[in-house]
Amino acid sequence: MRQIITILKNPNQSEIEHAIEFNFYELFRALVTIDLEDIEYEETDEFFRYSTGIPFFLLNGVIDSHIPSEVAIKKIEENITFFEKRQVPFLWMIGPSSSPKNMGELLINNGLILNKQPGMAYNLKILGAERELLNKVEIIKVGNIETLKVWSDIVLTGFALPKELLSDFFYNAFSFMLLNDAPSASAFLAYYDGNPIASSFVSYKAGVAGIYNVTTLEEARGKGIGTAITLAPLNEAKKLGYEIAILHSSEMALNMYKHMGFKEYCKLETFVWDPGSKE
């Protein structure tokens, strides 16, 4: 059975912005607080920090930060020192609730590189009946070790991520989330003419359905498969009673999501530090 959580009903603008931000935070908390070797994490009143020891920025970071302005620079320097000692890059994500409000400027001044992502939401009440799939396209829900391995490979290939660094972590972390007795997430695989070519993932946290890991292999793009694999978790979320789906869009996918009916509500700012960036 799926875990019992409160579903956000008839949310206003600020509640949607909060959900866009905190669905991500709660997902990453779940991914990095599983019992895997070498993972360190710390929850304080000021931030949540995690480190997997894997030299890839997404797998080391500071999120959900609410730091008094008078100690912000000190806390930034302390976190840089923490990750510098481990010789791994890290991200620092800030959103609408983050403080102080000039945190982005302070992070840039300390050598972190900014990447902005539109925080988008979709009203599942307006989602129509499930569409008939494109010719030769089949979409399945990941439900066992074999399909999880295929899904992981599609995600890593589609986003051109380093498999030698991430394959083991992806498999172990997502198997914990997807293949247990009370999953809080679902993953989907699209096949075209019998070959796996696209992926998506939905995390049911912060009262909404958070859509992640939507990618289509390069050779299959431009056929409408990206839309189809995004609709799979949307359809599931609506059946489960969710009213809002959220996502953090890349620039490449922004027009597709707008065409589907997603609306931009806020900006999520990801700042990245690399061990070689310190002068």
Protein backbone atom coordinates (compact mmCIF):
# COMPACT_ATOMS: atom_id res chain seq x y z
CA MET A 1 0.00 0.00 0.00
CA ARG A 2 1.11 3.57 -0.69
CA GLN A 3 2.07 5.68 2.30
CA ILE A 4 -0.72 7.86 3.67
CA ILE A 5 0.04 11.53 3.06
CA THR A 6 -1.99 14.70 2.88
CA ILE A 7 -2.93 15.68 -0.67
CA LEU A 8 -2.93 19.39 -1.43
CA LYS A 9 -6.48 20.48 -2.28
CA ASN A 10 -7.47 23.72 -4.05
CA PRO A 11 -4.07 25.33 -3.40
CA ASN A 12 -3.32 29.02 -3.78
CA GLN A 13 -0.23 30.51 -5.45
CA SER A 14 2.00 30.41 -2.37
CA GLU A 15 1.00 26.82 -1.54
CA ILE A 16 1.89 25.71 -5.07
CA GLU A 17 5.25 27.50 -4.88
CA HIS A 18 5.92 25.79 -1.53
CA ALA A 19 5.05 22.38 -3.02
CA ILE A 20 7.29 22.93 -6.06
CA GLU A 21 10.19 23.59 -3.72
CA PHE A 22 9.54 21.05 -0.97
CA ASN A 23 8.64 18.10 -3.20
CA PHE A 24 12.26 18.27 -4.39
CA TYR A 25 13.64 18.65 -0.87
CA GLU A 26 11.66 15.69 0.44
CA LEU A 27 12.62 13.54 -2.54
CA PHE A 28 16.31 14.18 -1.98
CA ARG A 29 15.96 13.57 1.75
CA ALA A 30 14.45 10.19 0.91
CA LEU A 31 17.18 9.35 -1.60
CA VAL A 32 20.11 10.15 0.67
CA THR A 33 18.84 8.93 4.03
CA ILE A 34 18.66 5.30 2.97
CA ASP A 35 21.13 2.89 4.49
CA LEU A 36 23.92 3.03 1.89
CA GLU A 37 27.64 3.00 2.58
CA ASP A 38 29.51 6.34 2.73
CA ILE A 39 26.41 8.58 2.81
CA GLU A 40 26.58 11.42 5.33
CA TYR A 41 23.72 13.76 6.09
CA GLU A 42 22.93 16.42 8.66
CA GLU A 43 19.66 18.19 9.46
CA THR A 44 19.88 21.49 11.34
CA ASP A 45 17.50 24.40 11.87
CA GLU A 46 19.40 26.20 9.11
CA PHE A 47 19.79 23.61 6.32
CA PHE A 48 19.86 19.98 5.26
CA ARG A 49 23.27 18.81 4.02
CA TYR A 50 24.10 15.50 2.39
CA SER A 51 27.17 13.89 0.87
CA THR A 52 27.40 10.53 -0.87
CA GLY A 53 31.13 10.78 -1.56
CA ILE A 54 30.40 10.34 -5.28
CA PRO A 55 32.08 13.13 -7.29
CA PHE A 56 28.92 14.35 -9.01
CA PHE A 57 27.23 17.58 -7.93
CA LEU A 58 23.65 16.26 -7.64
CA LEU A 59 24.71 13.67 -5.08
CA ASN A 60 26.22 16.17 -2.65
CA GLY A 61 24.40 19.28 -1.56
CA VAL A 62 22.77 21.80 0.72
CA ILE A 63 19.00 22.24 0.47
CA ASP A 64 16.13 23.76 2.45
CA SER A 65 18.30 26.56 3.82
CA HIS A 66 16.97 29.20 6.22
CA ILE A 67 20.03 30.99 7.54
CA PRO A 68 20.11 34.26 9.50
CA SER A 69 21.68 36.96 7.36
CA GLU A 70 24.32 37.81 9.96
CA VAL A 71 25.87 34.31 9.72
CA ALA A 72 25.11 33.50 6.05
CA ILE A 73 28.65 34.06 4.76
CA LYS A 74 30.09 31.99 7.62
CA LYS A 75 27.71 29.10 6.87
CA ILE A 76 28.53 29.22 3.15
CA GLU A 77 32.26 29.07 3.92
CA GLU A 78 31.74 26.21 6.38
CA ASN A 79 29.86 24.17 3.80
CA ILE A 80 32.44 24.83 1.10
CA THR A 81 35.12 23.62 3.52
CA PHE A 82 33.04 20.51 4.32
CA PHE A 83 32.84 19.46 0.67
CA GLU A 84 36.37 20.64 -0.16
CA LYS A 85 37.73 18.21 2.44
CA ARG A 86 35.82 15.41 0.70
CA GLN A 87 36.94 16.62 -2.75
CA VAL A 88 33.46 16.40 -4.24
CA PRO A 89 31.39 19.01 -6.08
CA PHE A 90 28.09 20.03 -4.53
CA LEU A 91 24.91 21.94 -5.25
CA TRP A 92 23.12 24.52 -3.13
CA MET A 93 19.47 24.91 -4.09
CA ILE A 94 17.41 27.91 -3.09
CA GLY A 95 13.74 28.56 -3.71
CA PRO A 96 10.96 30.94 -2.67
CA SER A 97 11.23 30.04 1.03
CA SER A 98 15.03 30.27 1.27
CA SER A 99 16.71 32.92 3.38
CA PRO A 100 18.39 35.31 3.47
CA LYS A 101 16.91 36.76 0.29
CA ASN A 102 20.35 37.71 -1.03
CA MET A 103 21.67 34.16 -0.59
CA GLY A 104 22.11 33.74 -4.35
CA GLU A 105 24.37 36.78 -4.54
CA LEU A 106 26.41 35.51 -1.58
CA LEU A 107 26.81 32.08 -3.15
CA ILE A 108 28.01 33.59 -6.43
CA ASN A 109 30.48 35.78 -4.55
CA ASN A 110 31.88 32.60 -3.01
CA GLY A 111 32.51 30.95 -6.36
CA LEU A 112 29.35 28.95 -6.98
CA ILE A 113 27.87 28.86 -10.51
CA LEU A 114 24.16 29.62 -10.98
CA ASN A 115 21.65 27.62 -13.00
CA LYS A 116 17.99 28.68 -12.98
CA GLN A 117 15.09 26.27 -13.51
CA PRO A 118 11.44 27.24 -13.96
CA GLY A 119 9.27 25.74 -11.24
CA MET A 120 6.07 24.63 -12.99
CA ALA A 121 2.73 23.15 -11.97
CA TYR A 122 -0.19 21.47 -13.71
CA ASN A 123 -3.81 21.31 -12.59
CA LEU A 124 -4.70 17.63 -12.80
CA LYS A 125 -8.41 18.49 -12.65
CA ILE A 126 -8.21 19.53 -16.30
CA LEU A 127 -6.37 16.39 -17.42
CA GLY A 128 -8.53 14.64 -19.99
CA ALA A 129 -9.07 10.95 -20.58
CA GLU A 130 -5.99 8.87 -21.21
CA ARG A 131 -4.84 9.25 -24.79
CA GLU A 132 -4.29 6.33 -27.11
CA LEU A 133 -0.58 5.66 -27.36
CA LEU A 134 1.35 6.38 -30.53
CA ASN A 135 1.89 3.53 -32.98
CA LYS A 136 4.63 1.13 -31.82
CA VAL A 137 4.82 2.80 -28.38
CA GLU A 138 4.26 0.84 -25.17
CA ILE A 139 4.55 2.31 -21.66
CA ILE A 140 5.05 0.13 -18.60
CA LYS A 141 5.40 0.85 -14.89
CA VAL A 142 8.68 -0.22 -13.31
CA GLY A 143 7.87 -3.03 -10.93
CA ASN A 144 10.85 -5.36 -10.64
CA ILE A 145 14.64 -5.47 -10.67
CA GLU A 146 14.89 -6.09 -14.40
CA THR A 147 12.79 -3.10 -15.47
CA LEU A 148 14.44 -0.90 -12.83
CA LYS A 149 17.86 -1.63 -14.35
CA VAL A 150 16.57 -0.74 -17.82
CA TRP A 151 14.91 2.44 -16.49
CA SER A 152 18.10 3.53 -14.72
CA ASP A 153 20.11 3.03 -17.89
CA ILE A 154 17.65 5.12 -19.93
CA VAL A 155 17.77 7.97 -17.38
CA LEU A 156 21.56 8.02 -17.32
CA THR A 157 21.86 7.74 -21.10
CA GLY A 158 19.14 10.29 -21.85
CA PHE A 159 20.69 12.93 -19.62
CA ALA A 160 24.24 11.98 -20.68
CA LEU A 161 25.19 11.29 -17.07
CA PRO A 162 28.38 9.38 -16.15
CA LYS A 163 27.29 5.77 -15.72
CA GLU A 164 30.57 4.69 -14.16
CA LEU A 165 29.89 7.09 -11.26
CA LEU A 166 26.13 6.88 -10.90
CA SER A 167 24.83 3.44 -11.95
CA ASP A 168 25.20 1.72 -8.57
CA PHE A 169 23.77 4.62 -6.58
CA PHE A 170 20.83 5.05 -8.97
CA TYR A 171 19.95 1.38 -8.80
CA ASN A 172 20.28 1.10 -5.00
CA ALA A 173 18.52 4.37 -4.14
CA PHE A 174 15.61 4.00 -6.53
CA SER A 175 15.11 0.31 -5.77
CA PHE A 176 14.60 1.34 -2.14
CA MET A 177 11.98 3.90 -3.21
CA LEU A 178 10.21 1.90 -5.91
CA LEU A 179 10.39 -1.76 -4.95
CA ASN A 180 9.36 -1.73 -1.29
CA ASP A 181 6.03 -2.58 0.34
CA ALA A 182 4.93 1.07 0.65
CA PRO A 183 6.32 2.99 -2.35
CA SER A 184 6.05 6.78 -2.34
CA ALA A 185 6.98 7.03 -6.00
CA SER A 186 6.53 5.37 -9.40
CA ALA A 187 8.71 5.09 -12.47
CA PHE A 188 7.69 4.54 -16.09
CA LEU A 189 9.44 3.17 -19.17
CA ALA A 190 8.46 3.76 -22.79
CA TYR A 191 9.31 1.27 -25.50
CA TYR A 192 9.27 2.06 -29.21
CA ASP A 193 9.15 -0.89 -31.57
CA GLY A 194 10.21 -3.10 -28.67
CA ASN A 195 13.21 -1.00 -27.62
CA PRO A 196 13.36 1.08 -24.37
CA ILE A 197 13.63 4.75 -25.32
CA ALA A 198 12.14 7.03 -22.62
CA SER A 199 11.66 7.37 -18.87
CA SER A 200 9.76 9.31 -16.23
CA PHE A 201 9.41 9.30 -12.46
CA VAL A 202 6.85 10.67 -10.01
CA SER A 203 7.41 11.39 -6.33
CA TYR A 204 4.34 11.78 -4.12
CA LYS A 205 5.56 14.27 -1.53
CA ALA A 206 4.57 17.70 -0.17
CA GLY A 207 0.97 16.92 -1.15
CA VAL A 208 1.65 16.91 -4.90
CA ALA A 209 2.96 14.68 -7.67
CA GLY A 210 6.52 15.70 -8.54
CA ILE A 211 7.60 14.74 -12.06
CA TYR A 212 11.31 14.00 -12.59
CA ASN A 213 13.72 12.11 -14.83
CA VAL A 214 11.72 12.72 -18.01
CA THR A 215 14.00 11.94 -20.92
CA THR A 216 13.85 10.40 -24.37
CA LEU A 217 16.85 8.92 -26.10
CA GLU A 218 18.16 11.20 -28.83
CA GLU A 219 17.30 8.87 -31.71
CA ALA A 220 13.62 8.76 -30.65
CA ARG A 221 13.03 12.49 -30.06
CA GLY A 222 10.53 14.50 -32.08
CA LYS A 223 7.92 11.72 -32.18
CA GLY A 224 5.74 12.88 -29.28
CA ILE A 225 7.16 10.24 -26.95
CA GLY A 226 8.28 12.85 -24.41
CA THR A 227 4.68 13.98 -24.01
CA ALA A 228 3.45 10.39 -23.75
CA ILE A 229 5.95 9.41 -21.04
CA THR A 230 5.09 12.58 -19.07
CA LEU A 231 1.38 11.80 -19.25
CA ALA A 232 1.89 8.35 -17.70
CA PRO A 233 2.68 9.67 -14.18
CA LEU A 234 0.10 12.45 -14.57
CA ASN A 235 -2.60 9.88 -15.26
CA GLU A 236 -1.53 7.79 -12.27
CA ALA A 237 -1.45 10.84 -9.98
CA LYS A 238 -4.96 11.87 -10.98
CA LYS A 239 -6.28 8.35 -10.31
CA LEU A 240 -4.71 8.53 -6.84
CA GLY A 241 -6.60 11.74 -6.11
CA TYR A 242 -3.83 14.30 -6.57
CA GLU A 243 -4.85 17.71 -7.89
CA ILE A 244 -1.43 19.22 -8.68
CA ALA A 245 1.61 17.93 -10.51
CA ILE A 246 4.86 19.90 -10.36
CA LEU A 247 8.21 19.80 -12.10
CA HIS A 248 11.46 21.71 -12.56
CA SER A 249 11.93 22.22 -16.29
CA SER A 250 15.05 22.39 -18.40
CA GLU A 251 15.18 25.02 -21.12
CA MET A 252 14.99 22.28 -23.77
CA ALA A 253 11.72 20.88 -22.42
CA LEU A 254 10.08 24.17 -21.42
CA ASN A 255 7.97 24.60 -24.56
CA MET A 256 6.76 20.99 -24.42
CA TYR A 257 5.55 21.43 -20.85
CA LYS A 258 3.87 24.74 -21.63
CA HIS A 259 2.10 23.11 -24.58
CA MET A 260 0.88 20.36 -22.25
CA GLY A 261 -0.60 22.96 -19.90
CA PHE A 262 2.07 23.39 -17.22
CA LYS A 263 2.38 26.95 -15.90
CA GLU A 264 5.44 28.60 -14.41
CA TYR A 265 5.04 29.67 -10.77
CA CYS A 266 8.56 30.36 -9.51
CA LYS A 267 12.27 29.95 -10.13
CA LEU A 268 14.43 27.35 -8.47
CA GLU A 269 18.08 28.36 -8.41
CA THR A 270 20.80 25.73 -8.27
CA PHE A 271 24.32 26.88 -7.44
CA VAL A 272 27.17 24.47 -8.10
CA TRP A 273 30.63 24.41 -6.54
CA ASP A 274 33.48 22.32 -7.89
CA PRO A 275 36.66 21.44 -5.98
CA GLY A 276 38.76 22.91 -8.77
CA SER A 277 36.95 26.25 -8.73
CA LYS A 278 38.56 27.64 -5.58
CA GLU A 279 41.35 30.07 -6.32
